Amino acid sequence: MSEILPIPIQSISMENEPISEVMAAPKGDSTRSVHDGRSPNPYHSISDPLVSTATYTFDNTQDLRQYMKQKMWGEGHNRSEYGRYGNPTIAAAEARLAALEGAEDALLFASGMQAISTVLLQLLSRGDHIIITDNIYRKTRQFCTFVLQRYGIECTVVPMNNFDMLEKAVRSNTRILFSESPTNPHIRLLDVERFHEAAAKYGLLSIVDSTFATPFNLRPIEWGIDLVIHSATKYLAGHNDLLAGVVAGRTELIAGLRDFQGVIGAISDAYIASLLIRGLKTLGMRINRQNQSAQRIAAFLASHPKIEQVWYPSLESHPDYMIGQKQYKGFGGVVSFTVRGDGRAAERVIDALQIPLLAVSLGGTESLVSQPAIISYFELSRSERLSLGIQDNLIRYSVGIEDMEDLIADLDQALSQI
């Protein structure tokens, strides 16, 4: 953890300063994880200082006047007056996140859902219309179809990658296309190239939740997507010990969101930012391992006699296999599968597993396992769950960084229980 030090605020840059030419274009994932977006600090410390403060002081009234003039005219300045509007540790995390995503700027939030809700509330107004794809995160869909409706904003849900239906859903008041890739829990892949083309054709903003992909498996901005959102709680932080969200994109879009964030107070805090920075440094290493392990586990499950179906895009049986081959570097650490039998059979397998922990979430160092019908959709009727593709015998397995051979052996013994 970063050391807590008394920082002379006036000497800290709140803007993303360029890194050295040597590290301007690192090649490997782990090199980028460690060095991309690194910002200088007055202590020349390897770790970004943890600046824990709610407010900032000024030397005198003239110093304050100069700062307020710069702020009013939108000129660059190297400080803030209050923690709701800026923090050096948060700025350091945002610089790293923007660099990894290939974005001009990034904005940190207290959770992924806070990032999503703030973005949509800022960019949409009464009378506007948004189009979302059907496989997005359940709470995102709930926010778009129910919460936004209370503010006079209409939402249309279209099947993922059905671009004929998407274009037919566009109206004169449509402002945003929103999707997610890969999706939860069936690991469906968005055709980001065609998604961008559809948005550009009608002059719409395109937004993609890329939590399951991470910047190392997919960088939507490289395909023309306007804004990318992550639940940084998952792979980016990587240790199941914090909640955070991030949105990355063009400077002018992030600037408007940053102002709105200051108004509504949807901020993260310095301690969480410091933990996130630490997690980012091992992101490349973790993702490479989780990609490889999940692919091997998916292949093992696909050939197992106790398995009905496996959802993982490296398998040719996956409906988005060809999209994955063209646009994605890897597919992350989540493998979903149905076991032969009913929901009770799935329960027996889960309870027999010895390595993964029974818990929600994903992307951390520990493997996690869950039965979506119980842990995420318990309040819905069985028919409602089935309409969403959530079968009683569906298991979602989030692969951690444990030894692949141990995970496969554990799955094999657990499957022998049915």
Protein backbone atom coordinates (compact mmCIF):
# COMPACT_ATOMS: atom_id res chain seq x y z
CA MET A 1 0.00 0.00 0.00
CA SER A 2 1.19 3.51 -0.78
CA GLU A 3 2.64 5.46 2.12
CA ILE A 4 0.53 8.28 3.55
CA LEU A 5 2.61 11.44 3.40
CA PRO A 6 1.98 15.17 3.94
CA ILE A 7 1.93 16.34 0.31
CA PRO A 8 2.57 20.01 -0.64
CA ILE A 9 -0.54 20.26 -2.80
CA GLN A 10 0.66 23.16 -4.91
CA SER A 11 3.52 21.01 -6.24
CA ILE A 12 1.29 18.13 -7.39
CA SER A 13 0.12 18.05 -11.00
CA MET A 14 -3.57 17.23 -11.32
CA GLU A 15 -3.17 16.74 -15.06
CA ASN A 16 -1.78 13.74 -16.89
CA GLU A 17 1.85 14.59 -17.56
CA PRO A 18 3.65 12.69 -20.33
CA ILE A 19 5.75 9.74 -19.34
CA SER A 20 9.29 9.38 -20.55
CA GLU A 21 9.99 8.63 -24.20
CA VAL A 22 11.48 5.30 -23.17
CA MET A 23 8.11 4.15 -21.83
CA ALA A 24 5.93 6.04 -24.34
CA ALA A 25 5.02 2.90 -26.28
CA PRO A 26 5.57 -0.26 -24.21
CA LYS A 27 4.91 -3.47 -26.08
CA GLY A 28 3.85 -6.20 -23.66
CA ASP A 29 0.78 -6.36 -21.47
CA SER A 30 2.71 -6.58 -18.23
CA THR A 31 5.01 -3.72 -19.23
CA ARG A 32 1.98 -1.57 -19.99
CA SER A 33 0.33 -2.58 -16.70
CA VAL A 34 3.32 -1.45 -14.69
CA HIS A 35 4.31 1.69 -16.60
CA ASP A 36 1.47 3.09 -18.73
CA GLY A 37 0.13 6.39 -17.40
CA ARG A 38 2.81 6.72 -14.72
CA SER A 39 2.77 10.30 -13.40
CA PRO A 40 5.69 12.08 -11.70
CA ASN A 41 5.34 13.11 -8.08
CA PRO A 42 7.42 15.47 -5.89
CA TYR A 43 8.87 12.59 -3.85
CA HIS A 44 10.15 10.61 -6.86
CA SER A 45 8.53 7.56 -5.26
CA ILE A 46 7.86 4.41 -7.23
CA SER A 47 4.40 4.12 -5.71
CA ASP A 48 1.96 6.96 -6.30
CA PRO A 49 1.56 8.86 -3.01
CA LEU A 50 -1.70 8.37 -1.14
CA VAL A 51 -3.05 11.89 -0.59
CA SER A 52 -5.79 11.67 2.03
CA THR A 53 -7.45 15.08 2.31
CA ALA A 54 -10.87 16.65 1.99
CA THR A 55 -9.74 20.20 1.27
CA TYR A 56 -6.72 22.17 0.04
CA THR A 57 -5.11 25.38 1.28
CA PHE A 58 -4.00 28.53 -0.56
CA ASP A 59 -0.95 30.65 0.25
CA ASN A 60 -2.89 33.92 0.11
CA THR A 61 -5.83 35.66 -1.57
CA GLN A 62 -3.88 36.35 -4.75
CA ASP A 63 -3.06 32.65 -5.03
CA LEU A 64 -6.76 31.89 -4.63
CA ARG A 65 -7.78 34.52 -7.22
CA GLN A 66 -5.33 33.15 -9.75
CA TYR A 67 -6.64 29.62 -9.25
CA MET A 68 -10.29 30.71 -9.61
CA LYS A 69 -9.51 32.60 -12.85
CA GLN A 70 -7.84 29.56 -14.31
CA LYS A 71 -10.74 27.36 -13.27
CA MET A 72 -13.34 29.79 -14.67
CA TRP A 73 -11.65 29.97 -18.06
CA GLY A 74 -11.00 26.25 -18.21
CA GLU A 75 -7.25 26.73 -18.33
CA GLY A 76 -4.89 24.06 -17.12
CA HIS A 77 -4.15 24.17 -13.44
CA ASN A 78 -2.26 21.86 -11.17
CA ARG A 79 -4.46 21.70 -8.13
CA SER A 80 -7.99 21.69 -6.68
CA GLU A 81 -9.74 23.47 -3.86
CA TYR A 82 -11.89 20.62 -2.55
CA GLY A 83 -11.74 16.85 -2.60
CA ARG A 84 -14.97 16.48 -4.55
CA TYR A 85 -13.31 18.15 -7.54
CA GLY A 86 -9.94 16.45 -7.56
CA ASN A 87 -7.30 14.42 -5.75
CA PRO A 88 -3.71 13.62 -6.84
CA THR A 89 -4.00 9.89 -6.10
CA ILE A 90 -7.27 9.64 -8.02
CA ALA A 91 -5.72 11.62 -10.88
CA ALA A 92 -2.82 9.16 -10.97
CA ALA A 93 -5.23 6.22 -11.19
CA GLU A 94 -7.21 7.95 -13.94
CA ALA A 95 -4.02 8.60 -15.94
CA ARG A 96 -3.10 4.91 -15.79
CA LEU A 97 -6.60 3.79 -16.73
CA ALA A 98 -6.75 6.16 -19.69
CA ALA A 99 -3.37 4.99 -20.95
CA LEU A 100 -4.28 1.32 -20.71
CA GLU A 101 -7.55 1.89 -22.56
CA GLY A 102 -5.92 4.07 -25.23
CA ALA A 103 -8.20 6.96 -24.26
CA GLU A 104 -7.49 10.67 -23.96
CA ASP A 105 -8.86 10.83 -20.42
CA ALA A 106 -10.61 8.74 -17.77
CA LEU A 107 -12.80 9.38 -14.75
CA LEU A 108 -12.92 7.25 -11.59
CA PHE A 109 -16.15 6.46 -9.71
CA ALA A 110 -17.11 4.59 -6.55
CA SER A 111 -18.53 1.63 -8.53
CA GLY A 112 -19.19 0.45 -12.05
CA MET A 113 -22.91 1.14 -11.73
CA GLN A 114 -22.17 4.66 -10.51
CA ALA A 115 -20.07 5.20 -13.63
CA ILE A 116 -22.89 3.93 -15.86
CA SER A 117 -25.66 5.88 -14.15
CA THR A 118 -23.66 9.12 -14.05
CA VAL A 119 -22.73 8.86 -17.73
CA LEU A 120 -26.32 8.29 -18.83
CA LEU A 121 -27.78 10.99 -16.58
CA GLN A 122 -25.23 13.48 -17.91
CA LEU A 123 -25.64 12.65 -21.58
CA LEU A 124 -29.41 12.14 -21.74
CA SER A 125 -32.27 14.60 -21.17
CA ARG A 126 -36.05 14.38 -20.94
CA GLY A 127 -37.46 13.33 -24.31
CA ASP A 128 -34.29 11.50 -25.42
CA HIS A 129 -34.11 7.86 -26.45
CA ILE A 130 -31.43 5.21 -25.83
CA ILE A 131 -30.97 1.80 -27.45
CA ILE A 132 -29.39 -1.01 -25.42
CA THR A 133 -28.61 -4.62 -26.29
CA ASP A 134 -30.40 -7.44 -24.52
CA ASN A 135 -27.40 -9.17 -22.92
CA ILE A 136 -26.12 -6.27 -20.85
CA TYR A 137 -25.67 -6.46 -17.09
CA ARG A 138 -29.02 -6.87 -15.39
CA LYS A 139 -28.72 -3.76 -13.22
CA THR A 140 -27.73 -1.67 -16.24
CA ARG A 141 -30.81 -2.86 -18.08
CA GLN A 142 -32.94 -2.11 -15.02
CA PHE A 143 -31.51 1.41 -14.80
CA CYS A 144 -32.15 2.07 -18.50
CA THR A 145 -35.64 0.58 -18.71
CA PHE A 146 -37.07 1.69 -15.36
CA VAL A 147 -35.05 4.45 -13.71
CA LEU A 148 -34.47 6.54 -16.82
CA GLN A 149 -38.16 6.23 -17.67
CA ARG A 150 -38.96 8.21 -14.51
CA TYR A 151 -37.00 11.10 -16.02
CA GLY A 152 -38.81 11.00 -19.35
CA ILE A 153 -36.08 9.07 -21.20
CA GLU A 154 -37.20 6.19 -23.40
CA CYS A 155 -35.27 2.95 -23.87
CA THR A 156 -35.47 0.22 -26.51
CA VAL A 157 -33.87 -3.20 -26.03
CA VAL A 158 -32.62 -5.00 -29.15
CA PRO A 159 -30.93 -8.40 -29.59
CA MET A 160 -27.15 -8.24 -29.47
CA ASN A 161 -25.51 -8.14 -32.93
CA ASN A 162 -28.89 -7.89 -34.71
CA PHE A 163 -28.02 -4.71 -36.55
CA ASP A 164 -31.14 -4.75 -38.71
CA MET A 165 -33.30 -4.51 -35.59
CA LEU A 166 -30.93 -1.96 -34.09
CA GLU A 167 -31.21 0.36 -37.09
CA LYS A 168 -34.99 -0.03 -37.18
CA ALA A 169 -35.09 1.04 -33.51
CA VAL A 170 -33.29 4.34 -34.20
CA ARG A 171 -35.55 7.39 -33.83
CA SER A 172 -35.10 11.10 -34.38
CA ASN A 173 -34.60 11.51 -30.62
CA THR A 174 -32.14 8.60 -30.22
CA ARG A 175 -28.89 9.75 -28.65
CA ILE A 176 -26.96 6.70 -27.45
CA LEU A 177 -26.22 3.08 -28.35
CA PHE A 178 -25.14 1.09 -25.27
CA SER A 179 -23.82 -2.46 -25.18
CA GLU A 180 -21.52 -4.74 -23.20
CA SER A 181 -18.90 -7.28 -24.22
CA PRO A 182 -18.29 -9.99 -23.24
CA THR A 183 -21.65 -10.43 -21.55
CA ASN A 184 -22.65 -12.06 -18.29
CA PRO A 185 -23.12 -15.01 -17.94
CA HIS A 186 -23.04 -16.40 -21.49
CA ILE A 187 -19.86 -14.58 -22.61
CA ARG A 188 -21.46 -13.28 -25.81
CA LEU A 189 -19.26 -10.98 -27.90
CA LEU A 190 -20.32 -7.69 -29.44
CA ASP A 191 -19.28 -7.00 -33.01
CA VAL A 192 -17.72 -3.68 -32.00
CA GLU A 193 -16.84 -2.75 -35.58
CA ARG A 194 -20.44 -2.92 -36.78
CA PHE A 195 -21.69 -1.36 -33.55
CA HIS A 196 -19.50 1.68 -34.19
CA GLU A 197 -20.57 1.83 -37.83
CA ALA A 198 -24.24 1.85 -36.80
CA ALA A 199 -23.64 4.66 -34.32
CA ALA A 200 -21.64 6.71 -36.82
CA LYS A 201 -24.29 6.25 -39.52
CA TYR A 202 -26.92 7.96 -37.38
CA GLY A 203 -24.65 10.36 -35.50
CA LEU A 204 -25.10 8.61 -32.15
CA LEU A 205 -22.77 8.19 -29.20
CA SER A 206 -21.57 4.62 -28.71
CA ILE A 207 -20.84 3.26 -25.23
CA VAL A 208 -19.50 -0.20 -24.36
CA ASP A 209 -19.15 -1.78 -20.93
CA SER A 210 -15.89 -3.70 -21.38
CA THR A 211 -15.53 -5.04 -17.83
CA PHE A 212 -15.22 -8.70 -18.85
CA ALA A 213 -12.71 -7.91 -21.62
CA THR A 214 -10.27 -5.55 -19.89
CA PRO A 215 -8.06 -3.34 -22.10
CA PHE A 216 -5.89 -6.35 -22.90
CA ASN A 217 -8.57 -8.43 -24.62
CA LEU A 218 -10.45 -5.59 -26.29
CA ARG A 219 -9.89 -1.84 -26.59
CA PRO A 220 -13.24 -0.56 -27.94
CA ILE A 221 -11.86 2.93 -28.56
CA GLU A 222 -9.57 1.47 -31.23
CA TRP A 223 -12.75 0.37 -33.04
CA GLY A 224 -14.28 3.84 -32.85
CA ILE A 225 -16.36 3.50 -29.68
CA ASP A 226 -16.86 6.86 -27.92
CA LEU A 227 -16.89 5.82 -24.25
CA VAL A 228 -15.70 2.67 -22.48
CA ILE A 229 -16.89 1.72 -19.01
CA HIS A 230 -15.45 -0.78 -16.53
CA SER A 231 -16.41 -2.08 -13.17
CA ALA A 232 -12.87 -1.68 -11.84
CA THR A 233 -13.95 -3.89 -8.93
CA LYS A 234 -13.32 -6.86 -11.18
CA TYR A 235 -10.19 -7.50 -13.28
CA LEU A 236 -8.68 -4.01 -13.08
CA ALA A 237 -8.33 -4.12 -9.28
CA GLY A 238 -8.06 -7.88 -9.32
CA HIS A 239 -8.06 -8.76 -5.63
CA ASN A 240 -11.72 -8.72 -4.55
CA ASP A 241 -10.95 -5.98 -2.04
CA LEU A 242 -12.45 -2.76 -3.43
CA LEU A 243 -15.35 -1.23 -5.34
CA ALA A 244 -14.66 1.21 -8.19
CA GLY A 245 -15.79 2.12 -11.69
CA VAL A 246 -14.21 4.02 -14.56
CA VAL A 247 -15.28 5.65 -17.81
CA ALA A 248 -12.69 6.45 -20.49
CA GLY A 249 -12.94 8.40 -23.73
CA ARG A 250 -12.31 11.69 -25.49
CA THR A 251 -11.29 14.75 -23.50
CA GLU A 252 -14.41 16.78 -24.25
CA LEU A 253 -16.75 13.99 -23.17
CA ILE A 254 -14.83 13.27 -19.98
CA ALA A 255 -14.61 16.99 -19.14
CA GLY A 256 -18.39 17.31 -19.13
CA LEU A 257 -18.71 14.18 -17.03
CA ARG A 258 -16.08 15.46 -14.60
CA ASP A 259 -18.04 18.68 -14.04
CA PHE A 260 -21.26 16.70 -13.51
CA GLN A 261 -19.48 14.33 -11.13
CA GLY A 262 -18.47 17.30 -9.00
CA VAL A 263 -22.06 18.51 -8.88
CA ILE A 264 -23.63 15.23 -7.78
CA GLY A 265 -20.69 13.99 -5.70
CA ALA A 266 -20.31 10.63 -7.47
CA ILE A 267 -16.65 10.30 -6.55
CA SER A 268 -14.22 7.63 -5.41
CA ASP A 269 -11.60 8.22 -2.72
CA ALA A 270 -7.83 8.29 -2.55
CA TYR A 271 -7.37 5.05 -0.63
CA ILE A 272 -9.44 3.08 -3.15
CA ALA A 273 -7.49 4.74 -5.99
CA SER A 274 -4.19 3.68 -4.43
CA LEU A 275 -5.36 0.06 -4.13
CA LEU A 276 -6.57 0.16 -7.72
CA ILE A 277 -3.19 1.43 -8.95
CA ARG A 278 -1.50 -1.43 -7.13
CA GLY A 279 -3.87 -3.91 -8.74
CA LEU A 280 -3.31 -2.45 -12.22
CA LYS A 281 0.39 -3.22 -12.02
CA THR A 282 -0.29 -6.96 -12.18
CA LEU A 283 -3.21 -6.76 -14.62
CA GLY A 284 -1.29 -7.95 -17.68
CA MET A 285 0.15 -10.94 -15.87
CA ARG A 286 -3.19 -11.90 -14.34
CA ILE A 287 -5.20 -11.54 -17.54
CA ASN A 288 -2.72 -13.59 -19.57
CA ARG A 289 -2.93 -16.38 -17.00
CA GLN A 290 -6.73 -16.20 -16.69
CA ASN A 291 -7.15 -16.21 -20.48
CA GLN A 292 -5.03 -19.34 -20.78
CA SER A 293 -6.59 -21.15 -17.84
CA ALA A 294 -10.17 -20.39 -18.88
CA GLN A 295 -9.51 -21.57 -22.42
CA ARG A 296 -8.11 -24.88 -21.17
CA ILE A 297 -10.96 -25.30 -18.68
CA ALA A 298 -13.54 -24.59 -21.39
CA ALA A 299 -11.97 -27.23 -23.63
CA PHE A 300 -11.95 -29.74 -20.76
CA LEU A 301 -15.61 -29.10 -19.96
CA ALA A 302 -16.66 -29.25 -23.63
CA SER A 303 -15.36 -32.83 -23.82
CA HIS A 304 -16.76 -33.98 -20.47
CA PRO A 305 -19.71 -36.41 -20.56
CA LYS A 306 -21.46 -34.70 -17.61
CA ILE A 307 -21.63 -31.34 -19.40
CA GLU A 308 -24.48 -30.26 -21.70
CA GLN A 309 -23.09 -27.00 -23.07
CA VAL A 310 -20.15 -24.65 -22.51
CA TRP A 311 -20.11 -20.92 -23.22
CA TYR A 312 -16.62 -19.64 -23.97
CA PRO A 313 -15.68 -17.85 -27.21
CA SER A 314 -12.52 -19.86 -27.91
CA LEU A 315 -14.79 -22.84 -28.67
CA GLU A 316 -16.03 -23.13 -32.24
CA SER A 317 -19.45 -24.03 -30.83
CA HIS A 318 -19.80 -20.53 -29.37
CA PRO A 319 -22.19 -18.35 -31.43
CA ASP A 320 -19.67 -15.48 -31.57
CA TYR A 321 -16.57 -17.55 -32.31
CA MET A 322 -15.80 -15.75 -35.60
CA ILE A 323 -16.24 -12.29 -34.06
CA GLY A 324 -13.81 -13.30 -31.34
CA GLN A 325 -11.21 -14.46 -33.84
CA LYS A 326 -11.33 -11.13 -35.70
CA GLN A 327 -11.67 -8.55 -32.95
CA TYR A 328 -10.60 -9.96 -29.56
CA LYS A 329 -7.18 -10.83 -28.22
CA GLY A 330 -8.59 -13.11 -25.52
CA PHE A 331 -11.84 -13.81 -23.71
CA GLY A 332 -11.16 -13.43 -19.99
CA GLY A 333 -11.56 -15.76 -17.07
CA VAL A 334 -15.30 -16.51 -16.96
CA VAL A 335 -16.55 -19.86 -18.26
CA SER A 336 -20.23 -20.73 -18.04
CA PHE A 337 -21.67 -24.20 -18.53
CA THR A 338 -24.72 -26.36 -17.95
CA VAL A 339 -24.42 -29.75 -16.30
CA ARG A 340 -26.50 -32.76 -17.24
CA GLY A 341 -29.47 -32.80 -14.90
CA ASP A 342 -31.49 -30.18 -13.09
CA GLY A 343 -30.66 -27.36 -10.69
CA ARG A 344 -29.99 -29.85 -7.91
CA ALA A 345 -27.25 -31.42 -10.01
CA ALA A 346 -25.63 -28.01 -10.43
CA GLU A 347 -25.82 -27.50 -6.67
CA ARG A 348 -24.07 -30.82 -6.03
CA VAL A 349 -21.25 -29.87 -8.37
CA ILE A 350 -20.80 -26.45 -6.78
CA ASP A 351 -20.83 -27.86 -3.25
CA ALA A 352 -18.28 -30.52 -4.22
CA LEU A 353 -15.78 -28.03 -5.63
CA GLN A 354 -12.88 -27.51 -3.24
CA ILE A 355 -10.91 -24.62 -4.76
CA PRO A 356 -13.34 -21.93 -5.99
CA LEU A 357 -15.30 -19.96 -3.43
CA LEU A 358 -19.08 -19.68 -3.66
CA ALA A 359 -19.54 -15.95 -4.23
CA VAL A 360 -20.66 -13.27 -6.64
CA SER A 361 -18.27 -11.14 -8.71
CA LEU A 362 -15.32 -12.17 -10.85
CA GLY A 363 -11.89 -11.17 -12.07
CA GLY A 364 -9.94 -11.57 -8.83
CA THR A 365 -7.05 -13.75 -7.82
CA GLU A 366 -9.39 -16.32 -6.25
CA SER A 367 -11.57 -18.52 -8.44
CA LEU A 368 -15.27 -18.00 -7.73
CA VAL A 369 -18.28 -20.11 -8.66
CA SER A 370 -22.00 -19.44 -8.62
CA GLN A 371 -25.36 -20.68 -9.83
CA PRO A 372 -26.94 -17.63 -11.52
CA ALA A 373 -30.50 -18.91 -11.02
CA ILE A 374 -29.98 -18.64 -7.26
CA ILE A 375 -27.39 -15.97 -6.64
CA SER A 376 -28.46 -13.38 -9.23
CA TYR A 377 -32.02 -14.20 -10.33
CA PHE A 378 -33.52 -15.82 -7.24
CA GLU A 379 -36.47 -13.39 -6.99
CA LEU A 380 -37.63 -14.12 -10.55
CA SER A 381 -39.96 -16.96 -11.45
CA ARG A 382 -38.50 -19.91 -13.34
CA SER A 383 -40.24 -18.85 -16.55
CA GLU A 384 -38.83 -15.33 -16.19
CA ARG A 385 -35.35 -16.74 -15.67
CA LEU A 386 -35.63 -19.03 -18.68
CA SER A 387 -36.77 -16.11 -20.85
CA LEU A 388 -33.41 -14.51 -20.03
CA GLY A 389 -31.50 -17.70 -20.79
CA ILE A 390 -30.83 -18.46 -17.12
CA GLN A 391 -31.25 -22.21 -16.77
CA ASP A 392 -31.44 -23.89 -13.37
CA ASN A 393 -28.43 -26.08 -14.20
CA LEU A 394 -26.24 -23.17 -15.36
CA ILE A 395 -22.96 -22.63 -13.51
CA ARG A 396 -20.71 -19.58 -13.88
CA TYR A 397 -17.06 -20.20 -13.08
CA SER A 398 -14.72 -17.20 -12.68
CA VAL A 399 -11.17 -18.44 -13.03
CA GLY A 400 -8.57 -17.00 -10.68
CA ILE A 401 -4.79 -17.36 -10.82
CA GLU A 402 -4.53 -20.79 -9.19
CA ASP A 403 -2.71 -23.54 -11.05
CA MET A 404 -4.73 -24.62 -14.06
CA GLU A 405 -4.10 -28.32 -13.45
CA ASP A 406 -5.49 -28.04 -9.92
CA LEU A 407 -8.63 -26.28 -11.13
CA ILE A 408 -9.28 -28.91 -13.81
CA ALA A 409 -8.70 -31.80 -11.39
CA ASP A 410 -11.07 -30.17 -8.93
CA LEU A 411 -13.76 -29.77 -11.59
CA ASP A 412 -13.31 -33.38 -12.63
CA GLN A 413 -13.86 -34.72 -9.11
CA ALA A 414 -16.84 -32.41 -8.54
CA LEU A 415 -18.52 -33.53 -11.77
CA SER A 416 -18.21 -37.13 -10.62
CA GLN A 417 -20.83 -36.29 -7.98
CA ILE A 418 -23.61 -36.30 -10.61
